[in-house]
Amino acid sequence: MTGISPTDSVMAIRNAILQKNAALRDVAQTGNVGAGSAVGTNGATAPGGFTDALKSALEQVNGLQNQAGEAAASFERGETTDIAGVMLAKQQASVSFEATLQVRNKLLSAYKDIMSMPV
């Protein structure tokens, strides 16, 4: 395992999401004051946008799942006897996946709400 604790990586994902929410809120507030088309263009091309944060979070979840799978396979082959480490890796991957799944569900719900709004 790496020197990064499971709590640190989950907190890093949480902080990234909170930062992106604040950035999106700022863009939405300036969009109400300024021209709508310019804000849409800036929001789509801004570096480090929501898409990058989501992609980074998904890559972290994938990495955690790969580490958990490797730890379990290593334990099954008898290369390690640290069952606590294996179970911790499995739980970390499970929690991060569940958190990502909940974010996805909220995004889909928001999308459905927006699409059902009258024009």
C-alpha atoms as a PDB file:
ATOM      1  CA  MET A   1       0.000   0.000   0.000  1.00  0.00           C
ATOM      2  CA  THR A   2       1.026   3.587  -0.416  1.00  0.00           C
ATOM      3  CA  GLY A   3       1.758   6.102   2.335  1.00  0.00           C
ATOM      4  CA  ILE A   4      -1.646   7.754   1.849  1.00  0.00           C
ATOM      5  CA  SER A   5      -4.233   6.639   4.382  1.00  0.00           C
ATOM      6  CA  PRO A   6      -7.764   5.712   3.268  1.00  0.00           C
ATOM      7  CA  THR A   7      -9.180   8.629   5.209  1.00  0.00           C
ATOM      8  CA  ASP A   8      -6.870  11.084   3.460  1.00  0.00           C
ATOM      9  CA  SER A   9      -7.914   9.921  -0.013  1.00  0.00           C
ATOM     10  CA  VAL A  10     -11.628  10.069   0.828  1.00  0.00           C
ATOM     11  CA  MET A  11     -11.180  13.524   2.329  1.00  0.00           C
ATOM     12  CA  ALA A  12      -9.255  14.629  -0.775  1.00  0.00           C
ATOM     13  CA  ILE A  13     -12.149  13.501  -2.979  1.00  0.00           C
ATOM     14  CA  ARG A  14     -14.611  15.297  -0.690  1.00  0.00           C
ATOM     15  CA  ASN A  15     -12.556  18.504  -0.754  1.00  0.00           C
ATOM     16  CA  ALA A  16     -12.296  18.376  -4.554  1.00  0.00           C
ATOM     17  CA  ILE A  17     -16.071  18.025  -4.844  1.00  0.00           C
ATOM     18  CA  LEU A  18     -16.649  20.906  -2.433  1.00  0.00           C
ATOM     19  CA  GLN A  19     -14.216  23.114  -4.378  1.00  0.00           C
ATOM     20  CA  LYS A  20     -15.956  22.313  -7.655  1.00  0.00           C
ATOM     21  CA  ASN A  21     -19.344  23.058  -6.093  1.00  0.00           C
ATOM     22  CA  ALA A  22     -18.078  26.453  -4.929  1.00  0.00           C
ATOM     23  CA  ALA A  23     -16.640  27.169  -8.381  1.00  0.00           C
ATOM     24  CA  LEU A  24     -19.908  26.193 -10.057  1.00  0.00           C
ATOM     25  CA  ARG A  25     -21.837  28.366  -7.609  1.00  0.00           C
ATOM     26  CA  ASP A  26     -19.573  31.316  -8.427  1.00  0.00           C
ATOM     27  CA  VAL A  27     -20.050  30.776 -12.160  1.00  0.00           C
ATOM     28  CA  ALA A  28     -23.818  30.567 -11.697  1.00  0.00           C
ATOM     29  CA  GLN A  29     -23.863  33.804  -9.690  1.00  0.00           C
ATOM     30  CA  THR A  30     -21.794  35.696 -12.259  1.00  0.00           C
ATOM     31  CA  GLY A  31     -23.927  34.180 -15.010  1.00  0.00           C
ATOM     32  CA  ASN A  32     -27.021  35.864 -13.590  1.00  0.00           C
ATOM     33  CA  VAL A  33     -25.298  39.261 -13.765  1.00  0.00           C
ATOM     34  CA  GLY A  34     -23.333  38.969 -17.036  1.00  0.00           C
ATOM     35  CA  ALA A  35     -24.101  37.730 -20.512  1.00  0.00           C
ATOM     36  CA  GLY A  36     -25.319  34.137 -20.593  1.00  0.00           C
ATOM     37  CA  SER A  37     -23.414  33.041 -23.691  1.00  0.00           C
ATOM     38  CA  ALA A  38     -20.024  34.220 -22.412  1.00  0.00           C
ATOM     39  CA  VAL A  39     -20.473  32.386 -19.126  1.00  0.00           C
ATOM     40  CA  GLY A  40     -21.409  29.178 -20.933  1.00  0.00           C
ATOM     41  CA  THR A  41     -18.286  29.400 -23.052  1.00  0.00           C
ATOM     42  CA  ASN A  42     -16.051  30.114 -20.061  1.00  0.00           C
ATOM     43  CA  GLY A  43     -17.603  27.309 -18.012  1.00  0.00           C
ATOM     44  CA  ALA A  44     -17.079  24.780 -20.797  1.00  0.00           C
ATOM     45  CA  THR A  45     -13.423  25.613 -21.420  1.00  0.00           C
ATOM     46  CA  ALA A  46     -12.308  26.396 -17.870  1.00  0.00           C
ATOM     47  CA  PRO A  47      -9.358  24.198 -16.856  1.00  0.00           C
ATOM     48  CA  GLY A  48      -9.961  21.955 -13.888  1.00  0.00           C
ATOM     49  CA  GLY A  49     -13.721  21.949 -14.347  1.00  0.00           C
ATOM     50  CA  PHE A  50     -16.335  19.611 -12.965  1.00  0.00           C
ATOM     51  CA  THR A  51     -15.606  17.004 -15.626  1.00  0.00           C
ATOM     52  CA  ASP A  52     -11.964  16.814 -14.551  1.00  0.00           C
ATOM     53  CA  ALA A  53     -12.946  16.472 -10.892  1.00  0.00           C
ATOM     54  CA  LEU A  54     -15.398  13.703 -11.696  1.00  0.00           C
ATOM     55  CA  LYS A  55     -12.884  11.903 -13.891  1.00  0.00           C
ATOM     56  CA  SER A  56     -10.240  12.178 -11.168  1.00  0.00           C
ATOM     57  CA  ALA A  57     -12.648  10.794  -8.569  1.00  0.00           C
ATOM     58  CA  LEU A  58     -13.528   7.867 -10.816  1.00  0.00           C
ATOM     59  CA  GLU A  59      -9.850   7.130 -11.405  1.00  0.00           C
ATOM     60  CA  GLN A  60      -9.224   7.148  -7.650  1.00  0.00           C
ATOM     61  CA  VAL A  61     -12.113   4.736  -7.073  1.00  0.00           C
ATOM     62  CA  ASN A  62     -10.798   2.486  -9.823  1.00  0.00           C
ATOM     63  CA  GLY A  63      -7.321   2.571  -8.280  1.00  0.00           C
ATOM     64  CA  LEU A  64      -8.709   1.657  -4.863  1.00  0.00           C
ATOM     65  CA  GLN A  65     -10.650  -1.246  -6.343  1.00  0.00           C
ATOM     66  CA  ASN A  66      -7.540  -2.474  -8.163  1.00  0.00           C
ATOM     67  CA  GLN A  67      -5.488  -2.256  -4.948  1.00  0.00           C
ATOM     68  CA  ALA A  68      -8.161  -4.183  -3.044  1.00  0.00           C
ATOM     69  CA  GLY A  69      -8.232  -6.861  -5.730  1.00  0.00           C
ATOM     70  CA  GLU A  70      -4.452  -7.166  -5.710  1.00  0.00           C
ATOM     71  CA  ALA A  71      -4.385  -7.383  -1.903  1.00  0.00           C
ATOM     72  CA  ALA A  72      -7.037 -10.125  -1.919  1.00  0.00           C
ATOM     73  CA  ALA A  73      -5.246 -12.063  -4.646  1.00  0.00           C
ATOM     74  CA  SER A  74      -1.968 -11.766  -2.737  1.00  0.00           C
ATOM     75  CA  PHE A  75      -3.652 -13.090   0.406  1.00  0.00           C
ATOM     76  CA  GLU A  76      -5.227 -15.964  -1.528  1.00  0.00           C
ATOM     77  CA  ARG A  77      -1.837 -16.945  -2.961  1.00  0.00           C
ATOM     78  CA  GLY A  78      -0.355 -16.901   0.529  1.00  0.00           C
ATOM     79  CA  GLU A  79       2.072 -14.075  -0.213  1.00  0.00           C
ATOM     80  CA  THR A  80       0.758 -12.034   2.716  1.00  0.00           C
ATOM     81  CA  THR A  81      -0.929 -12.882   5.991  1.00  0.00           C
ATOM     82  CA  ASP A  82      -2.257  -9.409   6.775  1.00  0.00           C
ATOM     83  CA  ILE A  83      -5.995 -10.111   6.664  1.00  0.00           C
ATOM     84  CA  ALA A  84      -6.721  -6.793   8.373  1.00  0.00           C
ATOM     85  CA  GLY A  85      -4.973  -4.902   5.566  1.00  0.00           C
ATOM     86  CA  VAL A  86      -6.894  -6.861   2.952  1.00  0.00           C
ATOM     87  CA  MET A  87     -10.224  -6.208   4.639  1.00  0.00           C
ATOM     88  CA  LEU A  88      -9.379  -2.529   5.083  1.00  0.00           C
ATOM     89  CA  ALA A  89      -8.549  -2.222   1.378  1.00  0.00           C
ATOM     90  CA  LYS A  90     -11.812  -3.959   0.453  1.00  0.00           C
ATOM     91  CA  GLN A  91     -13.864  -1.699   2.733  1.00  0.00           C
ATOM     92  CA  GLN A  92     -12.096   1.425   1.460  1.00  0.00           C
ATOM     93  CA  ALA A  93     -12.880   0.444  -2.130  1.00  0.00           C
ATOM     94  CA  SER A  94     -16.466  -0.346  -1.202  1.00  0.00           C
ATOM     95  CA  VAL A  95     -17.042   2.965   0.593  1.00  0.00           C
ATOM     96  CA  SER A  96     -15.482   4.982  -2.206  1.00  0.00           C
ATOM     97  CA  PHE A  97     -17.606   3.146  -4.786  1.00  0.00           C
ATOM     98  CA  GLU A  98     -20.777   3.752  -2.787  1.00  0.00           C
ATOM     99  CA  ALA A  99     -19.943   7.456  -2.456  1.00  0.00           C
ATOM    100  CA  THR A 100     -19.364   7.694  -6.207  1.00  0.00           C
ATOM    101  CA  LEU A 101     -22.622   5.868  -6.843  1.00  0.00           C
ATOM    102  CA  GLN A 102     -24.506   8.349  -4.656  1.00  0.00           C
ATOM    103  CA  VAL A 103     -22.952  11.290  -6.525  1.00  0.00           C
ATOM    104  CA  ARG A 104     -24.023   9.685  -9.794  1.00  0.00           C
ATOM    105  CA  ASN A 105     -27.569   9.206  -8.490  1.00  0.00           C
ATOM    106  CA  LYS A 106     -27.761  12.859  -7.411  1.00  0.00           C
ATOM    107  CA  LEU A 107     -26.474  14.019 -10.802  1.00  0.00           C
ATOM    108  CA  LEU A 108     -29.073  11.912 -12.605  1.00  0.00           C
ATOM    109  CA  SER A 109     -31.800  13.222 -10.333  1.00  0.00           C
ATOM    110  CA  ALA A 110     -30.728  16.821 -10.969  1.00  0.00           C
ATOM    111  CA  TYR A 111     -30.609  16.161 -14.719  1.00  0.00           C
ATOM    112  CA  LYS A 112     -34.131  14.704 -14.666  1.00  0.00           C
ATOM    113  CA  ASP A 113     -35.388  17.686 -12.661  1.00  0.00           C
ATOM    114  CA  ILE A 114     -33.850  20.126 -15.123  1.00  0.00           C
ATOM    115  CA  MET A 115     -35.206  18.265 -18.138  1.00  0.00           C
ATOM    116  CA  SER A 116     -38.718  18.229 -16.668  1.00  0.00           C
ATOM    117  CA  MET A 117     -38.772  22.008 -16.151  1.00  0.00           C
ATOM    118  CA  PRO A 118     -41.111  23.897 -18.456  1.00  0.00           C
ATOM    119  CA  VAL A 119     -39.352  26.161 -20.919  1.00  0.00           C
END
